[in-house]
N, C-alpha and C. Protein backbone atom coordinates (compact mmCIF):
# COMPACT_ATOMS: atom_id res chain seq x y z
N MET A 1 -25.70 15.34 30.27
CA MET A 1 -26.80 14.38 30.26
C MET A 1 -28.10 15.11 30.56
N THR A 2 -29.11 14.88 29.73
CA THR A 2 -30.41 15.51 29.97
C THR A 2 -31.21 14.68 30.97
N PRO A 3 -32.21 15.26 31.61
CA PRO A 3 -33.08 14.47 32.49
C PRO A 3 -33.74 13.31 31.76
N GLU A 4 -34.11 13.54 30.50
CA GLU A 4 -34.75 12.47 29.73
C GLU A 4 -33.79 11.31 29.52
N GLU A 5 -32.52 11.62 29.21
CA GLU A 5 -31.51 10.57 29.05
C GLU A 5 -31.26 9.86 30.37
N ALA A 6 -31.23 10.63 31.45
CA ALA A 6 -31.02 10.04 32.77
C ALA A 6 -32.13 9.05 33.12
N SER A 7 -33.38 9.43 32.84
CA SER A 7 -34.50 8.55 33.16
C SER A 7 -34.50 7.31 32.28
N THR A 8 -34.09 7.47 31.02
CA THR A 8 -34.00 6.29 30.13
C THR A 8 -32.99 5.30 30.68
N GLN A 9 -31.83 5.80 31.11
CA GLN A 9 -30.81 4.90 31.65
C GLN A 9 -31.23 4.31 32.99
N ALA A 10 -31.87 5.12 33.83
CA ALA A 10 -32.35 4.60 35.11
C ALA A 10 -33.42 3.54 34.89
N ARG A 11 -34.27 3.74 33.90
CA ARG A 11 -35.30 2.75 33.59
C ARG A 11 -34.66 1.44 33.11
N ASP A 12 -33.60 1.55 32.34
CA ASP A 12 -32.89 0.34 31.89
C ASP A 12 -32.36 -0.44 33.09
N VAL A 13 -31.84 0.27 34.08
CA VAL A 13 -31.35 -0.39 35.31
C VAL A 13 -32.50 -1.08 36.02
N CYS A 14 -33.63 -0.39 36.13
CA CYS A 14 -34.78 -0.94 36.85
C CYS A 14 -35.39 -2.14 36.13
N ASN A 15 -35.16 -2.25 34.85
CA ASN A 15 -35.69 -3.38 34.09
C ASN A 15 -34.80 -4.62 34.15
N LEU A 16 -33.65 -4.52 34.80
CA LEU A 16 -32.74 -5.65 34.83
C LEU A 16 -33.25 -6.81 35.68
N ALA A 17 -33.98 -6.50 36.73
CA ALA A 17 -34.48 -7.54 37.65
C ALA A 17 -35.61 -6.93 38.47
N PRO A 18 -36.47 -7.77 39.05
CA PRO A 18 -37.57 -7.23 39.85
C PRO A 18 -37.14 -6.59 41.16
N VAL A 19 -35.92 -6.86 41.62
CA VAL A 19 -35.44 -6.32 42.89
C VAL A 19 -34.05 -5.72 42.72
N ILE A 20 -33.88 -4.51 43.23
CA ILE A 20 -32.55 -3.91 43.36
C ILE A 20 -32.15 -4.03 44.82
N PRO A 21 -31.10 -4.79 45.13
CA PRO A 21 -30.66 -4.88 46.53
C PRO A 21 -30.19 -3.51 47.03
N VAL A 22 -30.68 -3.13 48.20
CA VAL A 22 -30.25 -1.89 48.85
C VAL A 22 -29.24 -2.31 49.93
N LEU A 23 -27.99 -1.94 49.73
CA LEU A 23 -26.89 -2.52 50.49
C LEU A 23 -26.20 -1.47 51.38
N THR A 24 -26.06 -1.80 52.65
CA THR A 24 -25.25 -1.00 53.56
C THR A 24 -24.04 -1.85 53.92
N VAL A 25 -22.88 -1.42 53.44
CA VAL A 25 -21.67 -2.24 53.54
C VAL A 25 -20.69 -1.58 54.50
N PRO A 26 -20.48 -2.17 55.68
CA PRO A 26 -19.58 -1.57 56.66
C PRO A 26 -18.10 -1.86 56.41
N ASP A 27 -17.82 -2.88 55.57
CA ASP A 27 -16.44 -3.31 55.36
C ASP A 27 -16.24 -3.57 53.86
N ALA A 28 -15.43 -2.75 53.23
CA ALA A 28 -15.23 -2.87 51.78
C ALA A 28 -14.58 -4.20 51.40
N ALA A 29 -13.93 -4.86 52.34
CA ALA A 29 -13.31 -6.15 52.04
C ALA A 29 -14.36 -7.21 51.71
N LYS A 30 -15.60 -6.99 52.12
CA LYS A 30 -16.67 -7.94 51.84
C LYS A 30 -17.45 -7.59 50.58
N ALA A 31 -17.13 -6.48 49.97
CA ALA A 31 -17.97 -5.96 48.89
C ALA A 31 -17.94 -6.83 47.65
N GLU A 32 -16.76 -7.25 47.24
CA GLU A 32 -16.67 -8.02 46.00
C GLU A 32 -17.40 -9.35 46.13
N GLY A 33 -17.21 -10.05 47.25
CA GLY A 33 -17.90 -11.32 47.46
C GLY A 33 -19.40 -11.15 47.49
N LEU A 34 -19.85 -10.08 48.13
CA LEU A 34 -21.28 -9.78 48.19
C LEU A 34 -21.84 -9.54 46.79
N ALA A 35 -21.14 -8.74 46.01
CA ALA A 35 -21.60 -8.45 44.65
C ALA A 35 -21.64 -9.72 43.80
N ARG A 36 -20.62 -10.55 43.93
CA ARG A 36 -20.60 -11.79 43.14
C ARG A 36 -21.80 -12.68 43.47
N ALA A 37 -22.13 -12.76 44.75
CA ALA A 37 -23.26 -13.60 45.16
C ALA A 37 -24.57 -13.07 44.60
N LEU A 38 -24.77 -11.77 44.66
CA LEU A 38 -26.02 -11.19 44.18
C LEU A 38 -26.14 -11.29 42.66
N VAL A 39 -25.06 -11.01 41.96
CA VAL A 39 -25.09 -11.12 40.49
C VAL A 39 -25.30 -12.57 40.07
N ALA A 40 -24.63 -13.50 40.74
CA ALA A 40 -24.81 -14.92 40.42
C ALA A 40 -26.25 -15.35 40.66
N GLY A 41 -26.91 -14.73 41.63
CA GLY A 41 -28.30 -15.06 41.92
C GLY A 41 -29.30 -14.40 41.00
N GLY A 42 -28.83 -13.54 40.11
CA GLY A 42 -29.72 -12.94 39.13
C GLY A 42 -30.13 -11.52 39.42
N LEU A 43 -29.44 -10.86 40.36
CA LEU A 43 -29.73 -9.45 40.67
C LEU A 43 -28.52 -8.60 40.32
N PRO A 44 -28.41 -8.14 39.09
CA PRO A 44 -27.21 -7.41 38.66
C PRO A 44 -27.14 -5.96 39.11
N ALA A 45 -28.29 -5.30 39.32
CA ALA A 45 -28.30 -3.90 39.73
C ALA A 45 -28.14 -3.82 41.24
N LEU A 46 -27.11 -3.12 41.71
CA LEU A 46 -26.77 -3.08 43.13
C LEU A 46 -26.69 -1.64 43.60
N GLU A 47 -27.44 -1.31 44.64
CA GLU A 47 -27.40 0.05 45.21
C GLU A 47 -26.64 0.01 46.53
N VAL A 48 -25.49 0.64 46.54
CA VAL A 48 -24.68 0.74 47.76
C VAL A 48 -24.98 2.09 48.41
N THR A 49 -25.58 2.06 49.59
CA THR A 49 -25.95 3.31 50.25
C THR A 49 -24.71 4.00 50.81
N LEU A 50 -24.69 5.31 50.70
CA LEU A 50 -23.56 6.09 51.23
C LEU A 50 -23.78 6.39 52.71
N ARG A 51 -23.94 5.32 53.47
CA ARG A 51 -24.23 5.46 54.90
C ARG A 51 -23.09 4.99 55.79
N THR A 52 -22.02 4.50 55.19
CA THR A 52 -20.87 4.05 55.97
C THR A 52 -19.60 4.64 55.36
N PRO A 53 -18.54 4.76 56.16
CA PRO A 53 -17.27 5.26 55.63
C PRO A 53 -16.69 4.37 54.52
N ALA A 54 -17.12 3.10 54.49
CA ALA A 54 -16.60 2.15 53.51
C ALA A 54 -17.37 2.16 52.19
N ALA A 55 -18.44 2.94 52.10
CA ALA A 55 -19.34 2.82 50.95
C ALA A 55 -18.66 3.07 49.61
N LEU A 56 -17.89 4.14 49.51
CA LEU A 56 -17.27 4.45 48.21
C LEU A 56 -16.24 3.39 47.82
N ASP A 57 -15.47 2.90 48.80
CA ASP A 57 -14.54 1.81 48.51
C ASP A 57 -15.30 0.54 48.13
N ALA A 58 -16.45 0.32 48.76
CA ALA A 58 -17.26 -0.85 48.41
C ALA A 58 -17.73 -0.75 46.96
N ILE A 59 -18.13 0.43 46.53
CA ILE A 59 -18.53 0.61 45.13
C ILE A 59 -17.36 0.28 44.21
N ARG A 60 -16.18 0.77 44.54
CA ARG A 60 -15.00 0.49 43.72
C ARG A 60 -14.74 -1.01 43.61
N GLU A 61 -14.89 -1.73 44.71
CA GLU A 61 -14.66 -3.18 44.70
C GLU A 61 -15.73 -3.90 43.88
N MET A 62 -16.98 -3.46 44.02
CA MET A 62 -18.07 -4.13 43.32
C MET A 62 -18.00 -3.93 41.81
N THR A 63 -17.41 -2.82 41.37
CA THR A 63 -17.31 -2.60 39.92
C THR A 63 -16.38 -3.61 39.26
N LYS A 64 -15.63 -4.37 40.02
CA LYS A 64 -14.75 -5.40 39.47
C LYS A 64 -15.51 -6.66 39.06
N VAL A 65 -16.77 -6.75 39.48
CA VAL A 65 -17.56 -7.98 39.25
C VAL A 65 -18.25 -7.90 37.89
N ASP A 66 -17.93 -8.85 37.03
CA ASP A 66 -18.55 -8.89 35.72
C ASP A 66 -20.06 -9.05 35.84
N GLY A 67 -20.79 -8.28 35.06
CA GLY A 67 -22.24 -8.38 35.06
C GLY A 67 -22.93 -7.50 36.06
N GLY A 68 -22.18 -6.89 36.96
CA GLY A 68 -22.78 -6.02 37.96
C GLY A 68 -22.98 -4.61 37.43
N VAL A 69 -24.06 -4.00 37.85
CA VAL A 69 -24.34 -2.60 37.53
C VAL A 69 -24.48 -1.88 38.87
N VAL A 70 -23.43 -1.22 39.28
CA VAL A 70 -23.33 -0.72 40.65
C VAL A 70 -23.71 0.76 40.71
N GLY A 71 -24.58 1.08 41.65
CA GLY A 71 -24.99 2.46 41.85
C GLY A 71 -24.78 2.89 43.29
N ALA A 72 -24.95 4.17 43.53
CA ALA A 72 -24.80 4.74 44.87
C ALA A 72 -26.15 5.24 45.36
N GLY A 73 -26.51 4.85 46.57
CA GLY A 73 -27.75 5.30 47.17
C GLY A 73 -27.52 6.30 48.28
N THR A 74 -28.60 6.86 48.79
CA THR A 74 -28.56 7.88 49.84
C THR A 74 -27.69 9.07 49.41
N ILE A 75 -27.82 9.47 48.17
CA ILE A 75 -27.14 10.68 47.71
C ILE A 75 -27.88 11.89 48.26
N MET A 76 -27.14 12.72 48.99
CA MET A 76 -27.74 13.84 49.72
C MET A 76 -27.23 15.21 49.31
N SER A 77 -26.20 15.24 48.45
CA SER A 77 -25.59 16.52 48.10
C SER A 77 -24.89 16.42 46.75
N PRO A 78 -24.57 17.55 46.14
CA PRO A 78 -23.77 17.52 44.91
C PRO A 78 -22.42 16.84 45.12
N ASP A 79 -21.81 17.02 46.29
CA ASP A 79 -20.53 16.35 46.56
C ASP A 79 -20.68 14.83 46.53
N ASP A 80 -21.81 14.33 47.01
CA ASP A 80 -22.07 12.89 46.95
C ASP A 80 -22.15 12.42 45.50
N VAL A 81 -22.76 13.23 44.66
CA VAL A 81 -22.86 12.89 43.23
C VAL A 81 -21.47 12.72 42.64
N VAL A 82 -20.60 13.69 42.88
CA VAL A 82 -19.24 13.64 42.33
C VAL A 82 -18.47 12.46 42.89
N ALA A 83 -18.57 12.23 44.19
CA ALA A 83 -17.85 11.12 44.82
C ALA A 83 -18.33 9.78 44.27
N ALA A 84 -19.64 9.63 44.10
CA ALA A 84 -20.18 8.38 43.57
C ALA A 84 -19.71 8.14 42.14
N LYS A 85 -19.76 9.18 41.33
CA LYS A 85 -19.30 9.07 39.95
C LYS A 85 -17.83 8.69 39.89
N ASP A 86 -17.02 9.35 40.71
CA ASP A 86 -15.57 9.08 40.73
C ASP A 86 -15.27 7.66 41.20
N ALA A 87 -16.13 7.11 42.06
CA ALA A 87 -15.92 5.74 42.56
C ALA A 87 -16.33 4.68 41.54
N GLY A 88 -17.00 5.10 40.47
CA GLY A 88 -17.40 4.15 39.44
C GLY A 88 -18.88 3.82 39.41
N ALA A 89 -19.68 4.52 40.22
CA ALA A 89 -21.12 4.26 40.21
C ALA A 89 -21.70 4.57 38.83
N LEU A 90 -22.62 3.72 38.40
CA LEU A 90 -23.26 3.88 37.09
C LEU A 90 -24.63 4.53 37.20
N PHE A 91 -25.14 4.65 38.41
CA PHE A 91 -26.39 5.36 38.64
C PHE A 91 -26.41 5.84 40.08
N GLY A 92 -27.30 6.79 40.35
CA GLY A 92 -27.44 7.31 41.71
C GLY A 92 -28.89 7.27 42.14
N VAL A 93 -29.08 7.15 43.45
CA VAL A 93 -30.43 7.11 44.03
C VAL A 93 -30.46 8.08 45.20
N SER A 94 -31.49 8.91 45.26
CA SER A 94 -31.60 9.87 46.36
C SER A 94 -32.96 9.73 47.04
N PRO A 95 -33.02 9.93 48.36
CA PRO A 95 -34.29 9.79 49.09
C PRO A 95 -35.35 10.77 48.59
N GLY A 96 -34.91 11.97 48.25
CA GLY A 96 -35.76 12.98 47.65
C GLY A 96 -34.98 13.60 46.50
N SER A 97 -35.19 14.87 46.24
CA SER A 97 -34.38 15.52 45.21
C SER A 97 -34.28 17.00 45.50
N THR A 98 -33.17 17.58 45.05
CA THR A 98 -33.00 19.02 45.10
C THR A 98 -32.46 19.45 43.75
N PRO A 99 -32.71 20.70 43.34
CA PRO A 99 -32.15 21.18 42.08
C PRO A 99 -30.62 21.05 42.04
N ALA A 100 -29.96 21.29 43.18
CA ALA A 100 -28.49 21.23 43.21
C ALA A 100 -27.99 19.81 42.90
N ILE A 101 -28.65 18.80 43.48
CA ILE A 101 -28.25 17.42 43.21
C ILE A 101 -28.47 17.07 41.75
N LEU A 102 -29.63 17.42 41.22
CA LEU A 102 -29.94 17.09 39.83
C LEU A 102 -29.05 17.86 38.86
N ASP A 103 -28.77 19.12 39.16
CA ASP A 103 -27.86 19.90 38.32
C ASP A 103 -26.50 19.22 38.21
N LYS A 104 -25.96 18.82 39.34
CA LYS A 104 -24.64 18.20 39.36
C LYS A 104 -24.66 16.84 38.65
N ALA A 105 -25.70 16.05 38.88
CA ALA A 105 -25.80 14.75 38.22
C ALA A 105 -25.86 14.90 36.71
N GLU A 106 -26.62 15.87 36.24
CA GLU A 106 -26.69 16.11 34.80
C GLU A 106 -25.34 16.59 34.27
N GLU A 107 -24.64 17.41 35.06
CA GLU A 107 -23.34 17.94 34.64
C GLU A 107 -22.30 16.83 34.48
N VAL A 108 -22.25 15.90 35.46
CA VAL A 108 -21.20 14.86 35.42
C VAL A 108 -21.66 13.60 34.71
N GLY A 109 -22.93 13.51 34.36
CA GLY A 109 -23.42 12.36 33.62
C GLY A 109 -23.73 11.15 34.48
N LEU A 110 -24.29 11.38 35.66
CA LEU A 110 -24.70 10.27 36.53
C LEU A 110 -26.22 10.14 36.47
N PRO A 111 -26.76 9.08 35.86
CA PRO A 111 -28.22 8.92 35.83
C PRO A 111 -28.78 8.80 37.24
N MET A 112 -29.81 9.58 37.52
CA MET A 112 -30.37 9.61 38.86
C MET A 112 -31.76 8.97 38.91
N LEU A 113 -32.01 8.32 40.03
CA LEU A 113 -33.34 7.84 40.38
C LEU A 113 -33.77 8.69 41.58
N PRO A 114 -34.38 9.85 41.32
CA PRO A 114 -34.70 10.76 42.42
C PRO A 114 -35.97 10.35 43.16
N GLY A 115 -35.97 10.59 44.46
CA GLY A 115 -37.10 10.20 45.28
C GLY A 115 -38.23 11.20 45.24
N ALA A 116 -39.45 10.68 45.29
CA ALA A 116 -40.66 11.50 45.35
C ALA A 116 -41.74 10.69 46.04
N VAL A 117 -42.61 11.38 46.81
CA VAL A 117 -43.64 10.65 47.54
C VAL A 117 -44.99 11.36 47.51
N THR A 118 -45.03 12.57 46.95
CA THR A 118 -46.29 13.30 46.84
C THR A 118 -46.54 13.66 45.38
N ALA A 119 -47.80 13.98 45.07
CA ALA A 119 -48.13 14.39 43.70
C ALA A 119 -47.34 15.62 43.29
N THR A 120 -47.15 16.56 44.20
CA THR A 120 -46.41 17.78 43.88
C THR A 120 -44.95 17.46 43.54
N GLU A 121 -44.33 16.59 44.34
CA GLU A 121 -42.94 16.21 44.06
C GLU A 121 -42.82 15.49 42.73
N ILE A 122 -43.75 14.58 42.47
CA ILE A 122 -43.73 13.85 41.21
C ILE A 122 -43.91 14.80 40.03
N MET A 123 -44.85 15.72 40.13
CA MET A 123 -45.10 16.66 39.05
C MET A 123 -43.91 17.58 38.80
N ALA A 124 -43.23 17.97 39.88
CA ALA A 124 -42.04 18.82 39.73
C ALA A 124 -40.94 18.10 38.98
N LEU A 125 -40.75 16.83 39.29
CA LEU A 125 -39.73 16.05 38.59
C LEU A 125 -40.12 15.79 37.14
N LEU A 126 -41.40 15.52 36.90
CA LEU A 126 -41.86 15.35 35.52
C LEU A 126 -41.63 16.63 34.72
N ALA A 127 -41.89 17.77 35.32
CA ALA A 127 -41.70 19.04 34.63
C ALA A 127 -40.24 19.25 34.24
N ARG A 128 -39.34 18.70 35.03
CA ARG A 128 -37.91 18.82 34.72
C ARG A 128 -37.48 17.81 33.67
N GLY A 129 -38.26 16.73 33.50
CA GLY A 129 -37.93 15.72 32.51
C GLY A 129 -37.65 14.34 33.07
N TYR A 130 -37.80 14.18 34.39
CA TYR A 130 -37.56 12.88 35.03
C TYR A 130 -38.87 12.09 35.09
N THR A 131 -38.86 10.89 34.55
CA THR A 131 -40.05 10.05 34.53
C THR A 131 -39.86 8.73 35.28
N MET A 132 -38.62 8.37 35.60
CA MET A 132 -38.33 7.16 36.37
C MET A 132 -37.89 7.60 37.76
N LEU A 133 -38.73 7.29 38.76
CA LEU A 133 -38.55 7.85 40.09
C LEU A 133 -38.49 6.77 41.16
N LYS A 134 -37.98 7.17 42.32
CA LYS A 134 -38.02 6.33 43.51
C LYS A 134 -39.19 6.78 44.38
N PHE A 135 -39.97 5.84 44.89
CA PHE A 135 -41.06 6.14 45.81
C PHE A 135 -40.60 5.74 47.20
N PHE A 136 -40.31 6.75 48.04
CA PHE A 136 -39.70 6.50 49.34
C PHE A 136 -40.16 7.54 50.35
N PRO A 137 -40.43 7.11 51.60
CA PRO A 137 -40.45 5.73 52.12
C PRO A 137 -41.78 5.07 51.79
N ALA A 138 -41.75 3.99 51.07
CA ALA A 138 -42.96 3.43 50.48
C ALA A 138 -44.03 3.05 51.51
N GLU A 139 -43.70 2.18 52.43
CA GLU A 139 -44.72 1.70 53.36
C GLU A 139 -45.22 2.82 54.29
N ALA A 140 -44.32 3.67 54.72
CA ALA A 140 -44.71 4.76 55.62
C ALA A 140 -45.54 5.83 54.91
N SER A 141 -45.52 5.81 53.58
CA SER A 141 -46.25 6.82 52.81
C SER A 141 -47.51 6.28 52.16
N GLY A 142 -48.03 5.20 52.70
CA GLY A 142 -49.29 4.66 52.20
C GLY A 142 -49.17 3.37 51.44
N GLY A 143 -47.95 2.92 51.22
CA GLY A 143 -47.74 1.61 50.62
C GLY A 143 -48.19 1.51 49.17
N ALA A 144 -48.47 0.28 48.77
CA ALA A 144 -48.82 0.01 47.38
C ALA A 144 -50.11 0.69 46.96
N SER A 145 -51.05 0.84 47.87
CA SER A 145 -52.31 1.49 47.50
C SER A 145 -52.08 2.96 47.15
N ALA A 146 -51.23 3.63 47.91
CA ALA A 146 -50.91 5.03 47.61
C ALA A 146 -50.15 5.15 46.30
N LEU A 147 -49.16 4.31 46.10
CA LEU A 147 -48.39 4.36 44.87
C LEU A 147 -49.25 4.06 43.66
N GLY A 148 -50.09 3.04 43.77
CA GLY A 148 -50.96 2.68 42.66
C GLY A 148 -51.93 3.79 42.29
N ALA A 149 -52.31 4.60 43.26
CA ALA A 149 -53.26 5.68 43.00
C ALA A 149 -52.69 6.73 42.05
N PHE A 150 -51.37 6.84 41.97
CA PHE A 150 -50.76 7.80 41.06
C PHE A 150 -50.85 7.36 39.60
N SER A 151 -51.08 6.06 39.37
CA SER A 151 -51.04 5.57 37.99
C SER A 151 -52.17 6.12 37.13
N GLY A 152 -53.29 6.51 37.75
CA GLY A 152 -54.40 7.07 36.98
C GLY A 152 -54.13 8.48 36.51
N PRO A 153 -53.93 9.43 37.44
CA PRO A 153 -53.72 10.81 37.01
C PRO A 153 -52.32 11.11 36.48
N ILE A 154 -51.33 10.30 36.86
CA ILE A 154 -49.95 10.57 36.44
C ILE A 154 -49.33 9.31 35.83
N PRO A 155 -49.88 8.82 34.72
CA PRO A 155 -49.41 7.55 34.17
C PRO A 155 -48.01 7.59 33.58
N GLN A 156 -47.51 8.80 33.30
CA GLN A 156 -46.19 8.90 32.68
C GLN A 156 -45.05 8.68 33.66
N ALA A 157 -45.34 8.65 34.96
CA ALA A 157 -44.32 8.41 35.97
C ALA A 157 -44.28 6.93 36.34
N THR A 158 -43.08 6.37 36.35
CA THR A 158 -42.88 4.99 36.80
C THR A 158 -41.93 4.99 37.98
N PHE A 159 -41.99 3.92 38.78
CA PHE A 159 -41.35 3.96 40.09
C PHE A 159 -40.59 2.69 40.45
N CYS A 160 -39.63 2.90 41.36
CA CYS A 160 -39.00 1.84 42.14
C CYS A 160 -39.28 2.16 43.60
N PRO A 161 -40.29 1.53 44.21
CA PRO A 161 -40.57 1.79 45.63
C PRO A 161 -39.55 1.13 46.54
N THR A 162 -39.13 1.85 47.56
CA THR A 162 -38.25 1.29 48.59
C THR A 162 -38.69 1.83 49.95
N GLY A 163 -38.25 1.14 50.98
CA GLY A 163 -38.60 1.55 52.33
C GLY A 163 -39.75 0.73 52.86
N GLY A 164 -39.42 -0.35 53.55
CA GLY A 164 -40.46 -1.23 54.08
C GLY A 164 -40.92 -2.30 53.12
N VAL A 165 -40.31 -2.37 51.95
CA VAL A 165 -40.67 -3.43 50.99
C VAL A 165 -39.98 -4.72 51.44
N SER A 166 -40.76 -5.80 51.50
CA SER A 166 -40.25 -7.07 52.00
C SER A 166 -40.93 -8.22 51.28
N LEU A 167 -40.58 -9.43 51.65
CA LEU A 167 -41.20 -10.61 51.03
C LEU A 167 -42.70 -10.65 51.26
N THR A 168 -43.17 -10.04 52.32
CA THR A 168 -44.60 -10.11 52.63
C THR A 168 -45.45 -9.20 51.74
N ASN A 169 -44.84 -8.17 51.15
CA ASN A 169 -45.63 -7.24 50.34
C ASN A 169 -45.08 -6.98 48.95
N VAL A 170 -43.95 -7.59 48.60
CA VAL A 170 -43.28 -7.25 47.35
C VAL A 170 -44.14 -7.51 46.13
N ARG A 171 -44.89 -8.62 46.14
CA ARG A 171 -45.70 -8.94 44.96
C ARG A 171 -46.82 -7.92 44.75
N THR A 172 -47.33 -7.37 45.84
CA THR A 172 -48.36 -6.33 45.73
C THR A 172 -47.81 -5.12 44.99
N TYR A 173 -46.58 -4.75 45.30
CA TYR A 173 -45.95 -3.62 44.60
C TYR A 173 -45.70 -3.97 43.13
N LEU A 174 -45.16 -5.15 42.89
CA LEU A 174 -44.79 -5.52 41.52
C LEU A 174 -46.00 -5.67 40.61
N ARG A 175 -47.18 -5.85 41.18
CA ARG A 175 -48.39 -5.93 40.36
C ARG A 175 -48.88 -4.55 39.88
N LEU A 176 -48.36 -3.49 40.46
CA LEU A 176 -48.83 -2.15 40.10
C LEU A 176 -48.40 -1.78 38.68
N PRO A 177 -49.24 -1.11 37.92
CA PRO A 177 -48.88 -0.76 36.55
C PRO A 177 -47.77 0.27 36.45
N ASN A 178 -47.53 1.02 37.52
CA ASN A 178 -46.50 2.05 37.47
C ASN A 178 -45.23 1.68 38.23
N THR A 179 -45.06 0.39 38.53
CA THR A 179 -43.87 -0.08 39.25
C THR A 179 -43.06 -1.03 38.37
N LEU A 180 -41.79 -0.69 38.15
CA LEU A 180 -40.92 -1.54 37.34
C LEU A 180 -40.14 -2.54 38.19
N CYS A 181 -39.77 -2.12 39.38
CA CYS A 181 -39.01 -2.99 40.28
C CYS A 181 -39.14 -2.41 41.68
N VAL A 182 -38.56 -3.09 42.65
CA VAL A 182 -38.54 -2.57 44.02
C VAL A 182 -37.11 -2.56 44.51
N GLY A 183 -36.86 -1.76 45.53
CA GLY A 183 -35.59 -1.81 46.23
C GLY A 183 -35.79 -2.46 47.58
N GLY A 184 -34.91 -3.38 47.94
CA GLY A 184 -35.08 -4.09 49.20
C GLY A 184 -33.77 -4.54 49.79
N SER A 185 -33.72 -4.57 51.10
CA SER A 185 -32.50 -4.99 51.80
C SER A 185 -32.56 -6.44 52.25
N TRP A 186 -33.73 -7.08 52.13
CA TRP A 186 -33.86 -8.44 52.69
C TRP A 186 -32.99 -9.46 51.96
N VAL A 187 -32.56 -9.15 50.74
CA VAL A 187 -31.76 -10.13 49.99
C VAL A 187 -30.31 -10.18 50.47
N ALA A 188 -29.91 -9.22 51.31
CA ALA A 188 -28.54 -9.23 51.83
C ALA A 188 -28.55 -8.80 53.30
N PRO A 189 -29.03 -9.68 54.19
CA PRO A 189 -29.11 -9.33 55.61
C PRO A 189 -27.73 -9.04 56.20
N ALA A 190 -27.70 -8.14 57.17
CA ALA A 190 -26.43 -7.73 57.76
C ALA A 190 -25.66 -8.91 58.36
N ASP A 191 -26.38 -9.84 58.97
CA ASP A 191 -25.67 -10.96 59.61
C ASP A 191 -25.03 -11.87 58.56
N MET A 192 -25.69 -12.02 57.41
CA MET A 192 -25.11 -12.85 56.34
C MET A 192 -23.89 -12.17 55.72
N ILE A 193 -23.94 -10.84 55.59
CA ILE A 193 -22.78 -10.12 55.08
C ILE A 193 -21.62 -10.26 56.06
N ALA A 194 -21.91 -10.09 57.34
CA ALA A 194 -20.86 -10.16 58.36
C ALA A 194 -20.18 -11.53 58.39
N SER A 195 -20.98 -12.59 58.19
CA SER A 195 -20.43 -13.95 58.22
C SER A 195 -19.97 -14.43 56.86
N GLU A 196 -20.10 -13.58 55.85
CA GLU A 196 -19.72 -13.91 54.48
C GLU A 196 -20.44 -15.17 53.98
N ASP A 197 -21.73 -15.22 54.28
CA ASP A 197 -22.55 -16.33 53.81
C ASP A 197 -23.01 -16.04 52.38
N TRP A 198 -22.06 -16.14 51.47
CA TRP A 198 -22.37 -15.79 50.07
C TRP A 198 -23.33 -16.78 49.43
N HIS A 199 -23.25 -18.04 49.82
CA HIS A 199 -24.20 -19.02 49.27
C HIS A 199 -25.63 -18.68 49.70
N GLY A 200 -25.79 -18.33 50.98
CA GLY A 200 -27.12 -17.97 51.46
C GLY A 200 -27.66 -16.74 50.76
N ILE A 201 -26.81 -15.74 50.54
CA ILE A 201 -27.23 -14.52 49.86
C ILE A 201 -27.56 -14.82 48.39
N GLU A 202 -26.78 -15.66 47.76
CA GLU A 202 -27.09 -16.04 46.38
C GLU A 202 -28.45 -16.73 46.30
N THR A 203 -28.76 -17.56 47.27
CA THR A 203 -30.07 -18.22 47.30
C THR A 203 -31.20 -17.21 47.45
N LEU A 204 -31.03 -16.25 48.35
CA LEU A 204 -32.04 -15.20 48.52
C LEU A 204 -32.19 -14.39 47.23
N ALA A 205 -31.07 -14.13 46.58
CA ALA A 205 -31.12 -13.37 45.34
C ALA A 205 -31.86 -14.14 44.25
N ARG A 206 -31.63 -15.43 44.17
CA ARG A 206 -32.33 -16.26 43.18
C ARG A 206 -33.84 -16.22 43.38
N ASP A 207 -34.23 -16.32 44.63
CA ASP A 207 -35.67 -16.25 44.95
C ASP A 207 -36.25 -14.89 44.55
N ALA A 208 -35.49 -13.84 44.82
CA ALA A 208 -35.98 -12.49 44.47
C ALA A 208 -36.03 -12.29 42.97
N ALA A 209 -35.05 -12.81 42.26
CA ALA A 209 -35.01 -12.66 40.80
C ALA A 209 -36.16 -13.38 40.13
N ALA A 210 -36.69 -14.39 40.81
CA ALA A 210 -37.79 -15.18 40.23
C ALA A 210 -39.17 -14.62 40.57
N LEU A 211 -39.20 -13.53 41.32
CA LEU A 211 -40.49 -12.98 41.73
C LEU A 211 -41.31 -12.53 40.52
N LYS A 212 -42.56 -12.86 40.56
CA LYS A 212 -43.49 -12.47 39.51
C LYS A 212 -44.62 -11.64 40.14
N PRO A 213 -45.17 -10.71 39.39
CA PRO A 213 -46.31 -9.95 39.93
C PRO A 213 -47.45 -10.85 40.35
């Protein structure tokens, strides 16, 4: 897979809905129900962070849900790339990027959404062929005003900002010309996952899917 092909596929994922749920799943037994609720609410692209021992099993369970496009987040190493791909992830997301991670992703055919937060990082990824990027940590790095400032000198880069994105600022991000979608955890709060409040999560997902710039 070339970087250009990877970015095309990542862009297709980002165009599925205005919000990609960023999910930390401590119990794989809850994964399928969680995925069904989010997909039913109109959020088909799901990022399962590799932050718990259950994450890879959660990805495997979520791939059983029709209409879901399941990816792995918090990819930190080439081994994570291979593990995510083997678990059935259709895309990967990393906080930043390293040549080793991108080399492995291209080798195994896992489309990556690599993180970048400075002009230098963005330009380095563009030089490699990546044009669909993650802007992280968004709020801590200047928020929507900082991200929007890149649209003038670097219009060929498009982004999915994550990190501090919430209902209070999401529309500001979505109005930016270089933002296709956002990543957010508010659509699947930990307490709702723990209590298996799938109806409540579906409602939150519906509201997020209806967001307009």
